[in-house]
Amino acid sequence: MSELTKTLYFVLGAVVMAAAAVIADPSGYTPDVFDDQGDVFFADFTDPQAPKTIEVIDYNQATATATPLQVEFTDNKWVIPSHHNYPADAEQRLAQTAAALIELRKDRIVSDRVEDHAAYSVVDPLDENAASLAGRGKRVTLRDGEGNVLADFIAGSKVEGKSGYRYMRVPSQKRTYEVKTEADISARFEDWIETDLLKVTTADLRRIVVNRYSINERLGRVENRRTTTLVHDDGKWKMGGRTPNADAISDLTAALDKLTIVDVQPKPAGLTANLKTRSGIKPTMENFRSLQGKGFFPNPYTGQLLSNEGEIVVDSKDGLQYTLRFGEIASGGGAREGSEEQAEKEAGERRYVLITVAYSADRAKRYEGDAAKGKELNEELRNRFAEWYYVISGADFAKLRPSRAALQRG
């Protein structure tokens, strides 16, 4: 037998033994050329400061729609293009996300089958050819300042029984991995913005007036008007000499302290200018159409601004007076992945809110507050509030306009 023949027999024997091993344990066999288990996901992504754009696309199975959120660094500031370039508070969150993704590794291969994508919730939310609406994940894309892709992946469901692990897939590949990651990549608008909207704490509050009423648009009149005044004095809240219900007043003051917006709509430039300059709302057709479309009704003769669902007026110790007017039901929303607390906040109908602020040195003196601080904050907030209609959750809306009966001691 020639040496060549012997060599061929040895090679054939090795192939047979390898095949037998696959038959005996098919799940444990992966050809080395395809085995990237343990590798980093994005080897060229090494600088956590490099991302200048992040796009997160979530999927709402109930409405069968993809919900995009984009955050971008432009003109030396972070904005949210998907929400009318609203200012973002993104630098720290994005840096933390980037740092977590740089270290991201393909810890374990779980499947190479397209048919398994839905089971791991790694179906691309933008895939129009997917047979099912279920099993779609959250697609995340990071780009640098030149638009080059630094990272692009689909985050799937959490791995059952393994804290901190979830399934993940690269959109252009079939393979699904199990990975350990601390990346907190939210598609929620409210997670990328300044969270302290009013910049007021419960300790700052001194007087709250709840004006409950509704507008009969057909007859053009105010109906069901009921006003309740709450005053904080000597460390206690009083309501006409009585002590209000502790739970109700706690819900109300906490809602003011932690008020979170869930969406925004820009006001027309002319209306914004009116509100920034204290000149009052000018009776233009553009202003009227914009306001009435959101549930707010200016009186051209008196200058008074009414709203669909009443208002709440709040005095702070530093001389600020906030007016929150509650308008029409806002479209959008719907529950997405999150905690029970978040699901509770999303319950109910989201509502447009128009917020204005005014400052009085006499008010600051009366409440023994910091007049200089109040005056400075007034300038900041007046300019911010002038540009936007805010949208709040149904849960916050309910807490901010309690009935007199709810506020009475029960």
Protein backbone atom coordinates (compact mmCIF):
# COMPACT_ATOMS: atom_id res chain seq x y z
CA MET A 1 0.00 0.00 0.00
CA SER A 2 1.45 3.34 -1.07
CA GLU A 3 1.99 6.24 1.35
CA LEU A 4 -0.61 8.29 -0.56
CA THR A 5 -3.21 5.57 -0.16
CA LYS A 6 -2.48 5.27 3.57
CA THR A 7 -2.91 9.04 3.96
CA LEU A 8 -6.26 8.96 2.17
CA TYR A 9 -7.48 6.20 4.50
CA PHE A 10 -6.49 8.21 7.56
CA VAL A 11 -8.33 11.29 6.26
CA LEU A 12 -11.44 9.21 5.46
CA GLY A 13 -11.36 7.69 8.93
CA ALA A 14 -11.16 11.11 10.54
CA VAL A 15 -14.18 12.30 8.55
CA VAL A 16 -16.20 9.23 9.59
CA MET A 17 -15.31 9.74 13.26
CA ALA A 18 -16.29 13.40 13.07
CA ALA A 19 -19.60 12.52 11.48
CA ALA A 20 -20.26 9.95 14.20
CA ALA A 21 -19.60 12.61 16.83
CA VAL A 22 -22.15 14.90 15.21
CA ILE A 23 -24.74 12.13 15.17
CA ALA A 24 -24.05 11.32 18.82
CA ASP A 25 -24.25 14.97 19.95
CA PRO A 26 -25.44 17.28 17.16
CA SER A 27 -26.10 20.23 19.50
CA GLY A 28 -22.52 20.26 20.70
CA TYR A 29 -20.95 20.58 17.27
CA THR A 30 -20.17 23.83 15.60
CA PRO A 31 -17.53 24.07 12.85
CA ASP A 32 -14.69 26.31 13.97
CA VAL A 33 -15.12 28.59 10.98
CA PHE A 34 -18.61 29.55 12.25
CA ASP A 35 -17.87 29.55 15.97
CA ASP A 36 -17.79 33.19 17.15
CA GLN A 37 -18.96 32.41 20.65
CA GLY A 38 -17.17 34.69 23.12
CA ASP A 39 -16.24 37.30 20.53
CA VAL A 40 -17.13 40.96 20.99
CA PHE A 41 -20.13 42.11 18.97
CA PHE A 42 -18.66 45.29 17.54
CA ALA A 43 -14.87 45.01 17.38
CA ASP A 44 -14.37 48.38 15.65
CA PHE A 45 -16.44 50.26 18.22
CA THR A 46 -13.93 51.29 20.89
CA ASP A 47 -14.60 54.94 21.78
CA PRO A 48 -17.64 55.58 24.04
CA GLN A 49 -17.60 59.26 22.97
CA ALA A 50 -17.89 58.40 19.27
CA PRO A 51 -21.71 57.98 19.01
CA LYS A 52 -23.49 61.15 17.90
CA THR A 53 -26.78 59.53 16.95
CA ILE A 54 -28.78 56.74 18.50
CA GLU A 55 -31.97 55.33 17.03
CA VAL A 56 -34.16 52.96 19.00
CA ILE A 57 -37.12 51.30 17.30
CA ASP A 58 -39.60 49.55 19.54
CA TYR A 59 -42.68 47.63 18.42
CA ASN A 60 -46.22 47.92 19.73
CA GLN A 61 -47.85 44.58 19.06
CA ALA A 62 -51.30 45.88 20.05
CA THR A 63 -51.28 48.50 17.29
CA ALA A 64 -48.91 46.65 14.92
CA THR A 65 -46.70 49.72 14.58
CA ALA A 66 -43.00 50.37 14.95
CA THR A 67 -42.22 53.29 17.28
CA PRO A 68 -38.93 55.07 16.47
CA LEU A 69 -37.03 57.38 18.78
CA GLN A 70 -33.91 59.18 17.57
CA VAL A 71 -31.46 61.23 19.63
CA GLU A 72 -28.85 63.32 17.81
CA PHE A 73 -26.01 65.69 18.65
CA THR A 74 -26.30 68.70 16.37
CA ASP A 75 -25.28 72.36 16.66
CA ASN A 76 -23.46 71.52 19.92
CA LYS A 77 -26.57 70.21 21.66
CA TRP A 78 -28.54 66.99 21.98
CA VAL A 79 -32.00 66.98 20.44
CA ILE A 80 -34.68 64.42 19.63
CA PRO A 81 -35.48 64.70 15.88
CA SER A 82 -38.26 62.13 16.18
CA HIS A 83 -40.00 64.54 18.60
CA HIS A 84 -39.67 67.91 16.85
CA ASN A 85 -36.05 68.45 17.98
CA TYR A 86 -37.07 68.68 21.63
CA PRO A 87 -33.95 69.23 23.83
CA ALA A 88 -32.50 65.96 25.08
CA ASP A 89 -30.63 65.23 28.29
CA ALA A 90 -28.72 62.43 26.60
CA GLU A 91 -24.98 62.78 27.11
CA GLN A 92 -24.64 60.68 30.26
CA ARG A 93 -27.19 58.04 29.22
CA LEU A 94 -25.63 57.63 25.78
CA ALA A 95 -22.10 57.41 27.19
CA GLN A 96 -23.22 54.67 29.62
CA THR A 97 -24.98 52.82 26.80
CA ALA A 98 -21.93 53.09 24.55
CA ALA A 99 -19.57 51.84 27.26
CA ALA A 100 -21.80 48.81 27.87
CA LEU A 101 -21.97 47.99 24.14
CA ILE A 102 -18.20 48.21 23.64
CA GLU A 103 -17.79 45.32 26.08
CA LEU A 104 -20.73 43.34 24.72
CA ARG A 105 -19.82 39.73 23.92
CA LYS A 106 -21.53 36.84 22.18
CA ASP A 107 -21.71 34.75 25.35
CA ARG A 108 -23.59 31.75 23.95
CA ILE A 109 -24.97 30.76 20.57
CA VAL A 110 -28.56 29.58 20.95
CA SER A 111 -29.80 29.24 17.37
CA ASP A 112 -28.91 29.63 13.69
CA ARG A 113 -32.52 29.28 12.52
CA VAL A 114 -34.70 32.10 11.23
CA GLU A 115 -37.69 30.11 12.46
CA ASP A 116 -36.49 30.59 16.06
CA HIS A 117 -36.30 34.40 15.93
CA ALA A 118 -39.85 34.91 17.16
CA ALA A 119 -39.31 32.60 20.13
CA TYR A 120 -36.41 34.77 21.31
CA SER A 121 -38.15 38.05 20.34
CA VAL A 122 -35.38 39.05 17.93
CA VAL A 123 -37.50 39.61 14.83
CA ASP A 124 -36.57 42.97 13.30
CA PRO A 125 -39.37 45.45 14.15
CA LEU A 126 -38.96 46.90 10.64
CA ASP A 127 -39.27 43.54 8.87
CA GLU A 128 -42.37 43.83 6.67
CA ASN A 129 -41.97 40.23 5.45
CA ALA A 130 -42.16 38.59 8.89
CA ALA A 131 -45.14 36.27 9.06
CA SER A 132 -46.12 37.14 12.63
CA LEU A 133 -46.55 40.36 14.57
CA ALA A 134 -45.35 38.59 17.71
CA GLY A 135 -41.72 38.10 18.66
CA ARG A 136 -40.39 41.44 17.44
CA GLY A 137 -37.53 42.95 19.35
CA LYS A 138 -36.07 46.39 19.88
CA ARG A 139 -33.64 47.54 17.20
CA VAL A 140 -30.82 49.82 18.30
CA THR A 141 -28.42 51.63 15.97
CA LEU A 142 -25.53 53.90 16.97
CA ARG A 143 -23.75 56.12 14.43
CA ASP A 144 -20.79 58.46 14.61
CA GLY A 145 -20.74 62.09 13.48
CA GLU A 146 -20.16 61.04 9.87
CA GLY A 147 -23.14 58.70 9.84
CA ASN A 148 -21.06 55.51 10.01
CA VAL A 149 -22.68 52.62 11.89
CA LEU A 150 -20.88 51.80 15.13
CA ALA A 151 -23.35 49.24 16.45
CA ASP A 152 -26.59 47.77 15.13
CA PHE A 153 -28.48 44.99 16.88
CA ILE A 154 -31.89 43.66 17.88
CA ALA A 155 -32.44 43.19 21.61
CA GLY A 156 -34.86 40.37 22.37
CA SER A 157 -36.51 38.95 25.45
CA LYS A 158 -34.79 38.34 28.78
CA VAL A 159 -33.34 34.88 29.36
CA GLU A 160 -35.53 33.05 31.83
CA GLY A 161 -33.75 32.17 35.04
CA LYS A 162 -30.59 34.16 34.22
CA SER A 163 -30.58 37.66 35.67
CA GLY A 164 -28.93 40.26 33.43
CA TYR A 165 -29.05 38.10 30.31
CA ARG A 166 -31.12 38.59 27.17
CA TYR A 167 -31.23 37.35 23.60
CA MET A 168 -29.66 39.42 20.85
CA ARG A 169 -29.14 39.28 17.10
CA VAL A 170 -27.37 41.34 14.43
CA PRO A 171 -30.03 42.35 11.86
CA SER A 172 -28.15 41.01 8.81
CA GLN A 173 -27.50 37.60 10.41
CA LYS A 174 -29.61 34.58 11.32
CA ARG A 175 -27.70 33.66 14.47
CA THR A 176 -29.20 34.44 17.89
CA TYR A 177 -27.02 34.82 20.97
CA GLU A 178 -27.51 34.85 24.69
CA VAL A 179 -25.63 37.83 26.13
CA LYS A 180 -25.05 39.45 29.47
CA THR A 181 -25.59 43.20 29.22
CA GLU A 182 -26.29 46.17 31.46
CA ALA A 183 -27.07 48.46 28.53
CA ASP A 184 -30.20 50.46 29.38
CA ILE A 185 -31.52 51.33 25.93
CA SER A 186 -34.90 52.94 26.18
CA ALA A 187 -37.28 53.84 23.35
CA ARG A 188 -39.25 56.04 25.71
CA PHE A 189 -39.17 59.77 25.01
CA GLU A 190 -39.42 60.63 28.70
CA ASP A 191 -36.23 58.68 29.45
CA TRP A 192 -34.11 60.99 27.26
CA ILE A 193 -35.23 64.42 28.49
CA GLU A 194 -34.94 66.69 31.53
CA THR A 195 -37.07 64.91 34.12
CA ASP A 196 -37.61 67.84 36.48
CA LEU A 197 -40.12 69.74 34.34
CA LEU A 198 -41.39 72.29 36.87
CA LYS A 199 -38.21 72.43 38.96
CA VAL A 200 -40.27 72.51 42.13
CA THR A 201 -40.28 70.17 45.14
CA THR A 202 -43.05 69.33 47.57
CA ALA A 203 -41.21 71.43 50.19
CA ASP A 204 -41.48 74.49 47.90
CA LEU A 205 -45.27 74.39 47.53
CA ARG A 206 -47.29 76.96 49.45
CA ARG A 207 -50.69 77.29 47.75
CA ILE A 208 -52.64 75.15 45.28
CA VAL A 209 -55.90 76.13 43.61
CA VAL A 210 -57.73 73.35 41.76
CA ASN A 211 -60.18 74.83 39.23
CA ARG A 212 -62.32 71.99 37.94
CA TYR A 213 -64.60 72.88 35.05
CA SER A 214 -65.35 71.85 31.50
CA ILE A 215 -66.02 73.74 28.28
CA ASN A 216 -69.25 73.19 26.39
CA GLU A 217 -67.86 73.90 22.92
CA ARG A 218 -71.29 73.70 21.27
CA LEU A 219 -72.78 76.38 23.52
CA GLY A 220 -69.53 78.22 24.14
CA ARG A 221 -69.74 78.33 27.92
CA VAL A 222 -68.05 77.08 31.07
CA GLU A 223 -69.88 74.33 32.98
CA ASN A 224 -69.50 72.39 36.24
CA ARG A 225 -67.14 74.92 37.80
CA ARG A 226 -65.78 73.99 41.22
CA THR A 227 -62.79 75.62 42.91
CA THR A 228 -60.81 74.16 45.81
CA THR A 229 -58.01 76.07 47.54
CA LEU A 230 -55.26 74.40 49.54
CA VAL A 231 -52.81 76.41 51.68
CA HIS A 232 -49.61 75.17 53.30
CA ASP A 233 -49.01 76.95 56.60
CA ASP A 234 -46.98 76.08 59.66
CA GLY A 235 -45.93 72.76 58.12
CA LYS A 236 -49.49 71.60 57.37
CA TRP A 237 -51.90 71.68 54.45
CA LYS A 238 -55.32 73.24 55.10
CA MET A 239 -58.45 73.36 53.00
CA GLY A 240 -60.79 76.08 54.21
CA GLY A 241 -59.75 75.50 57.79
CA ARG A 242 -59.99 71.72 57.46
CA THR A 243 -57.21 69.18 57.08
CA PRO A 244 -57.38 67.50 53.64
CA ASN A 245 -57.13 63.77 53.05
CA ALA A 246 -53.46 62.87 53.55
CA ASP A 247 -53.31 60.38 50.67
CA ALA A 248 -54.99 62.73 48.20
CA ILE A 249 -52.76 65.70 49.08
CA SER A 250 -49.69 63.46 48.94
CA ASP A 251 -50.66 62.22 45.45
CA LEU A 252 -51.24 65.79 44.30
CA THR A 253 -47.99 67.29 45.63
CA ALA A 254 -45.92 64.28 44.48
CA ALA A 255 -47.41 64.56 40.98
CA LEU A 256 -46.31 68.22 40.85
CA ASP A 257 -42.85 67.40 42.18
CA LYS A 258 -42.26 64.50 39.76
CA LEU A 259 -44.36 65.59 36.80
CA THR A 260 -43.12 63.77 33.70
CA ILE A 261 -44.06 64.53 30.12
CA VAL A 262 -44.58 61.65 27.71
CA ASP A 263 -44.70 63.65 24.48
CA VAL A 264 -44.58 67.18 23.09
CA GLN A 265 -45.97 69.24 20.22
CA PRO A 266 -44.42 72.57 19.17
CA LYS A 267 -46.41 75.79 19.33
CA PRO A 268 -46.49 78.15 16.33
CA ALA A 269 -43.62 80.64 16.27
CA GLY A 270 -45.96 83.61 16.73
CA LEU A 271 -47.63 82.11 19.80
CA THR A 272 -44.25 81.22 21.29
CA ALA A 273 -43.05 84.78 20.81
CA ASN A 274 -46.19 86.13 22.53
CA LEU A 275 -45.64 83.91 25.55
CA LYS A 276 -41.94 84.68 25.82
CA THR A 277 -42.39 88.46 25.80
CA ARG A 278 -45.31 88.65 28.28
CA SER A 279 -47.29 90.60 25.68
CA GLY A 280 -50.25 88.27 25.98
CA ILE A 281 -51.67 86.00 23.33
CA LYS A 282 -52.46 88.00 20.21
CA PRO A 283 -55.85 87.17 18.63
CA THR A 284 -54.50 85.82 15.34
CA MET A 285 -56.14 83.02 13.37
CA GLU A 286 -52.98 80.92 13.64
CA ASN A 287 -52.92 81.25 17.43
CA PHE A 288 -56.61 80.46 17.80
CA ARG A 289 -56.45 77.39 15.54
CA SER A 290 -53.41 76.04 17.34
CA LEU A 291 -54.81 76.55 20.83
CA GLN A 292 -58.32 75.29 20.10
CA GLY A 293 -56.93 72.22 18.37
CA LYS A 294 -55.33 71.22 21.66
CA GLY A 295 -58.33 72.14 23.83
CA PHE A 296 -57.47 75.70 24.92
CA PHE A 297 -59.77 78.70 24.39
CA PRO A 298 -58.50 82.31 24.55
CA ASN A 299 -61.03 85.08 25.16
CA PRO A 300 -60.10 87.90 22.73
CA TYR A 301 -61.81 90.50 24.92
CA THR A 302 -60.54 89.65 28.40
CA GLY A 303 -57.32 87.82 27.54
CA GLN A 304 -58.38 84.93 29.78
CA LEU A 305 -57.32 81.48 28.62
CA LEU A 306 -59.64 78.58 29.48
CA SER A 307 -59.16 74.89 28.85
CA ASN A 308 -61.23 71.78 28.20
CA GLU A 309 -60.69 70.16 31.59
CA GLY A 310 -59.91 72.99 33.97
CA GLU A 311 -56.61 74.04 35.49
CA ILE A 312 -54.46 74.03 38.58
CA VAL A 313 -52.61 77.10 39.90
CA VAL A 314 -49.59 76.52 42.13
CA ASP A 315 -47.57 79.01 44.21
CA SER A 316 -44.00 78.24 45.27
CA LYS A 317 -42.13 79.83 48.16
CA ASP A 318 -39.66 81.56 45.82
CA GLY A 319 -42.34 83.70 44.20
CA LEU A 320 -43.26 81.56 41.18
CA GLN A 321 -46.83 80.85 40.18
CA TYR A 322 -47.43 77.96 37.80
CA THR A 323 -50.64 77.49 35.86
CA LEU A 324 -51.26 74.07 34.33
CA ARG A 325 -54.22 74.01 31.93
CA PHE A 326 -55.60 70.63 30.86
CA GLY A 327 -56.74 70.33 27.25
CA GLU A 328 -57.80 67.66 24.77
CA ILE A 329 -56.97 63.97 24.86
CA ALA A 330 -53.66 63.39 23.07
CA SER A 331 -53.26 60.56 20.60
CA GLY A 332 -50.56 57.92 20.87
CA GLY A 333 -49.30 56.05 23.89
CA GLY A 334 -49.99 52.47 24.72
CA ALA A 335 -48.18 50.16 27.11
CA ARG A 336 -44.70 48.94 26.24
CA GLU A 337 -42.17 46.85 28.05
CA GLY A 338 -41.52 48.25 31.51
CA SER A 339 -42.24 48.01 35.19
CA GLU A 340 -45.63 47.79 36.87
CA GLU A 341 -45.09 51.37 38.03
CA GLN A 342 -44.62 52.49 34.44
CA ALA A 343 -47.71 50.58 33.31
CA GLU A 344 -49.70 52.35 36.01
CA LYS A 345 -48.43 55.75 34.85
CA GLU A 346 -49.52 54.96 31.29
CA ALA A 347 -53.03 53.98 32.36
CA GLY A 348 -55.80 56.29 31.20
CA GLU A 349 -56.00 58.87 28.46
CA ARG A 350 -52.98 61.06 27.84
CA ARG A 351 -53.77 64.75 27.97
CA TYR A 352 -52.37 67.99 26.50
CA VAL A 353 -51.16 70.47 29.11
CA LEU A 354 -50.34 74.14 28.55
CA ILE A 355 -48.00 75.44 31.26
CA THR A 356 -47.29 79.08 32.02
CA VAL A 357 -45.30 80.65 34.84
CA ALA A 358 -45.20 84.10 36.44
CA TYR A 359 -42.99 85.66 39.10
CA SER A 360 -43.79 88.09 41.91
CA ALA A 361 -41.30 89.53 44.38
CA ASP A 362 -44.19 90.18 46.77
CA ARG A 363 -45.13 86.54 46.58
CA ALA A 364 -41.58 85.48 47.44
CA LYS A 365 -41.57 87.92 50.36
CA ARG A 366 -44.93 86.66 51.63
CA TYR A 367 -43.71 83.07 51.63
CA GLU A 368 -40.24 84.00 52.96
CA GLY A 369 -38.58 82.49 49.89
CA ASP A 370 -35.52 83.26 47.81
CA ALA A 371 -36.58 86.10 45.50
CA ALA A 372 -33.37 86.10 43.42
CA LYS A 373 -33.62 82.37 42.80
CA GLY A 374 -37.28 82.67 41.85
CA LYS A 375 -36.65 85.50 39.41
CA GLU A 376 -33.85 83.61 37.65
CA LEU A 377 -35.85 80.38 37.44
CA ASN A 378 -38.84 82.27 36.08
CA GLU A 379 -36.82 83.43 33.05
CA GLU A 380 -35.61 79.89 32.33
CA LEU A 381 -39.02 78.27 32.67
CA ARG A 382 -41.00 80.94 30.84
CA ASN A 383 -38.82 80.51 27.76
CA ARG A 384 -39.01 76.72 27.98
CA PHE A 385 -42.78 76.50 28.48
CA ALA A 386 -43.49 79.04 25.71
CA GLU A 387 -42.33 76.70 22.96
CA TRP A 388 -44.27 73.52 23.71
CA TYR A 389 -47.59 71.86 24.33
CA TYR A 390 -46.82 69.05 26.76
CA VAL A 391 -48.51 65.67 27.01
CA ILE A 392 -48.85 63.94 30.39
CA SER A 393 -50.04 60.47 31.32
CA GLY A 394 -53.61 59.70 32.27
CA ALA A 395 -52.47 58.77 35.79
CA ASP A 396 -50.79 62.15 36.35
CA PHE A 397 -53.81 63.95 34.90
CA ALA A 398 -56.08 62.26 37.45
CA LYS A 399 -53.78 63.13 40.37
CA LEU A 400 -53.44 66.78 39.35
CA ARG A 401 -57.16 67.56 39.40
CA PRO A 402 -58.60 65.85 42.49
CA SER A 403 -62.22 66.47 43.35
CA ARG A 404 -63.24 68.30 46.51
CA ALA A 405 -64.71 65.08 47.84
CA ALA A 406 -61.42 63.23 47.31
CA LEU A 407 -59.52 65.95 49.16
CA GLN A 408 -61.82 65.89 52.18
CA ARG A 409 -60.77 63.66 55.02
CA GLY A 410 -62.28 60.22 54.47
